[in-house]
Structure formats: C-alpha cells, structure tokens
Amino acid sequence: MPLTQLLRVGLFGLPIYAEARTALALNGGRLDCSSGVPTIYVDITYPRYSMATFLKIQGVPLIQIQEGLFYELIDRGWYFPYTARYVFSR
C-alpha cells in the first residue's frame, strides 16, 4: 500500500475512524477567524499519566505507548510543548 493511501485510510485500512481521529486531534483547540482566514490552534502537551493504545484485539491492548514518558522529557527540558496551527486556504 502506498504511503499516501496508508495515511488517508489509516494503518489498518479502516477509514470509518477518520472523522473521530480528526475530532480528537482538534479537541481543546480554538478557532480564530479575525484575519478573515479560518485558523485552528491546538496546544500540544502530554499529561504525566497517559497511555495511547494503537491496537486492541478482543478488547486486549496489544500495542501501547506510554505518553507520560513525553511528560518526563518536558519536565527535564528536553522536549517542549507546542501549538499546532491549521490554516485553511480560501
């Protein structure tokens, strides 16, 4: 599968979750239209105790990433929170 198609439909070929992933990515974001161009800002940081599950089979998590490790990197000054900016074209 070409990379562009993989990114479009997801790792396991389930495009049904695309809208949910977008909503999750923009959760906590803010919309600014003051310049006339819609722009979404999302603050990216990691909580201390956070686990991201990428694959479950019959409810059992098989692939997980402890995102709290990123919190520790932030706490030590090795990684920095940032703000993602999505700018819509006209």
C-alpha atoms as a PDB file:
ATOM      1  CA  MET A   1       0.000   0.000   0.000  1.00  0.00           C
ATOM      2  CA  PRO A   2       1.478   3.409  -0.950  1.00  0.00           C
ATOM      3  CA  LEU A   3       2.262   5.750   1.939  1.00  0.00           C
ATOM      4  CA  THR A   4      -0.251   8.353   0.747  1.00  0.00           C
ATOM      5  CA  GLN A   5      -3.037   5.782   0.804  1.00  0.00           C
ATOM      6  CA  LEU A   6      -1.895   4.462   4.184  1.00  0.00           C
ATOM      7  CA  LEU A   7      -2.094   7.958   5.672  1.00  0.00           C
ATOM      8  CA  ARG A   8      -5.521   8.515   4.136  1.00  0.00           C
ATOM      9  CA  VAL A   9      -7.233   5.328   5.340  1.00  0.00           C
ATOM     10  CA  GLY A  10      -5.211   4.505   8.429  1.00  0.00           C
ATOM     11  CA  LEU A  11      -2.832   1.734   9.317  1.00  0.00           C
ATOM     12  CA  PHE A  12      -5.459  -0.999   9.365  1.00  0.00           C
ATOM     13  CA  GLY A  13      -7.494   0.250   6.400  1.00  0.00           C
ATOM     14  CA  LEU A  14     -10.426   1.477   8.465  1.00  0.00           C
ATOM     15  CA  PRO A  15     -11.460   4.868   7.090  1.00  0.00           C
ATOM     16  CA  ILE A  16     -14.568   4.813   9.337  1.00  0.00           C
ATOM     17  CA  TYR A  17     -12.477   6.303  12.162  1.00  0.00           C
ATOM     18  CA  ALA A  18     -11.082   9.234  10.165  1.00  0.00           C
ATOM     19  CA  GLU A  19     -13.686  11.711  11.461  1.00  0.00           C
ATOM     20  CA  ALA A  20     -13.207  10.590  15.064  1.00  0.00           C
ATOM     21  CA  ARG A  21      -9.429  10.976  14.781  1.00  0.00           C
ATOM     22  CA  THR A  22      -9.871  14.496  13.421  1.00  0.00           C
ATOM     23  CA  ALA A  23     -12.246  15.412  16.251  1.00  0.00           C
ATOM     24  CA  LEU A  24      -9.807  14.017  18.808  1.00  0.00           C
ATOM     25  CA  ALA A  25      -6.873  15.893  17.264  1.00  0.00           C
ATOM     26  CA  LEU A  26      -8.771  19.181  17.432  1.00  0.00           C
ATOM     27  CA  ASN A  27     -10.198  18.596  20.918  1.00  0.00           C
ATOM     28  CA  GLY A  28      -9.336  21.559  23.099  1.00  0.00           C
ATOM     29  CA  GLY A  29      -8.446  23.677  20.086  1.00  0.00           C
ATOM     30  CA  ARG A  30      -9.614  27.192  19.366  1.00  0.00           C
ATOM     31  CA  LEU A  31     -10.852  28.739  16.145  1.00  0.00           C
ATOM     32  CA  ASP A  32      -9.784  32.234  15.080  1.00  0.00           C
ATOM     33  CA  CYS A  33     -11.367  33.990  12.102  1.00  0.00           C
ATOM     34  CA  SER A  34     -10.208  37.530  12.908  1.00  0.00           C
ATOM     35  CA  SER A  35      -7.848  37.659   9.904  1.00  0.00           C
ATOM     36  CA  GLY A  36     -10.592  36.506   7.527  1.00  0.00           C
ATOM     37  CA  VAL A  37      -8.923  33.099   7.122  1.00  0.00           C
ATOM     38  CA  PRO A  38     -10.161  30.367   9.479  1.00  0.00           C
ATOM     39  CA  THR A  39      -7.284  29.140  11.646  1.00  0.00           C
ATOM     40  CA  ILE A  40      -7.390  26.442  14.326  1.00  0.00           C
ATOM     41  CA  TYR A  41      -4.858  26.426  17.170  1.00  0.00           C
ATOM     42  CA  VAL A  42      -4.299  23.295  19.281  1.00  0.00           C
ATOM     43  CA  ASP A  43      -1.963  23.266  22.277  1.00  0.00           C
ATOM     44  CA  ILE A  44       0.066  20.035  22.276  1.00  0.00           C
ATOM     45  CA  THR A  45       1.360  18.720  25.582  1.00  0.00           C
ATOM     46  CA  TYR A  46       1.332  15.416  27.432  1.00  0.00           C
ATOM     47  CA  PRO A  47      -0.130  14.596  30.843  1.00  0.00           C
ATOM     48  CA  ARG A  48       2.002  12.721  33.353  1.00  0.00           C
ATOM     49  CA  TYR A  49      -0.054   9.500  33.243  1.00  0.00           C
ATOM     50  CA  SER A  50      -1.257   8.914  29.714  1.00  0.00           C
ATOM     51  CA  MET A  51      -1.342   5.749  27.642  1.00  0.00           C
ATOM     52  CA  ALA A  52      -2.101   5.682  23.909  1.00  0.00           C
ATOM     53  CA  THR A  53      -3.442   2.381  22.591  1.00  0.00           C
ATOM     54  CA  PHE A  54      -2.839   1.707  18.900  1.00  0.00           C
ATOM     55  CA  LEU A  55      -4.089  -1.855  18.585  1.00  0.00           C
ATOM     56  CA  LYS A  56      -6.624  -3.912  20.532  1.00  0.00           C
ATOM     57  CA  ILE A  57      -7.739  -7.434  19.760  1.00  0.00           C
ATOM     58  CA  GLN A  58     -10.893  -8.568  21.549  1.00  0.00           C
ATOM     59  CA  GLY A  59     -10.534  -5.682  23.976  1.00  0.00           C
ATOM     60  CA  VAL A  60      -6.945  -6.544  24.950  1.00  0.00           C
ATOM     61  CA  PRO A  61      -4.435  -3.752  24.216  1.00  0.00           C
ATOM     62  CA  LEU A  62      -1.511  -5.155  22.231  1.00  0.00           C
ATOM     63  CA  ILE A  63       0.363  -2.033  21.140  1.00  0.00           C
ATOM     64  CA  GLN A  64       0.510   0.884  23.562  1.00  0.00           C
ATOM     65  CA  ILE A  65       2.763   3.890  24.052  1.00  0.00           C
ATOM     66  CA  GLN A  66       3.250   5.434  27.472  1.00  0.00           C
ATOM     67  CA  GLU A  67       2.811   9.110  26.586  1.00  0.00           C
ATOM     68  CA  GLY A  68       3.750  10.009  30.145  1.00  0.00           C
ATOM     69  CA  LEU A  69       7.344   9.495  29.026  1.00  0.00           C
ATOM     70  CA  PHE A  70       6.980  12.651  26.921  1.00  0.00           C
ATOM     71  CA  TYR A  71       5.841  14.472  30.081  1.00  0.00           C
ATOM     72  CA  GLU A  72       9.107  13.458  31.753  1.00  0.00           C
ATOM     73  CA  LEU A  73      11.090  14.794  28.782  1.00  0.00           C
ATOM     74  CA  ILE A  74       9.177  18.076  29.042  1.00  0.00           C
ATOM     75  CA  ASP A  75       9.822  18.198  32.789  1.00  0.00           C
ATOM     76  CA  ARG A  76      13.573  17.792  32.182  1.00  0.00           C
ATOM     77  CA  GLY A  77      13.649  20.436  29.439  1.00  0.00           C
ATOM     78  CA  TRP A  78      14.469  18.011  26.614  1.00  0.00           C
ATOM     79  CA  TYR A  79      11.121  18.304  24.826  1.00  0.00           C
ATOM     80  CA  PHE A  80       8.816  21.274  24.598  1.00  0.00           C
ATOM     81  CA  PRO A  81       5.048  21.652  24.373  1.00  0.00           C
ATOM     82  CA  TYR A  82       3.935  23.460  21.238  1.00  0.00           C
ATOM     83  CA  THR A  83       0.907  24.863  19.467  1.00  0.00           C
ATOM     84  CA  ALA A  84      -0.173  23.292  16.188  1.00  0.00           C
ATOM     85  CA  ARG A  85      -1.755  25.712  13.730  1.00  0.00           C
ATOM     86  CA  TYR A  86      -4.122  24.625  10.947  1.00  0.00           C
ATOM     87  CA  VAL A  87      -4.716  27.368   8.380  1.00  0.00           C
ATOM     88  CA  PHE A  88      -7.483  26.903   5.836  1.00  0.00           C
ATOM     89  CA  SER A  89      -6.933  28.054   2.276  1.00  0.00           C
ATOM     90  CA  ARG A  90      -9.540  30.085   0.506  1.00  0.00           C
END
